[in-house]
Amino acid sequence: MGIKKNYSLLLVTVLCLLIIIILGLPGDSVAQPSLPGNPEQTPIDGGLGILAAIGGGYAIKKLRKQK
């Protein structure tokens, strides 16, 4: 009789856990994420200026070699 009692307690516990899981999952799986906010503006100053100067110098060097 002790085995049947343990089995029924286990069965009730498993069924309760399954019901909790089944009722809890749809809310998480259906929910849509919120819209993203405005992105932070990144200043473009030092690095871009240096790259432009290097590119200009390279272009001048190539033009002088062609002549």
Foldseek 3Di string as FASTA:
>chain_A
DVVVVVVVVVVVVVVVVVVVCVVPPVVVVPDDDDDDDDDDDDDDDDPVVVVVVVVVVVVVVVVVVVD
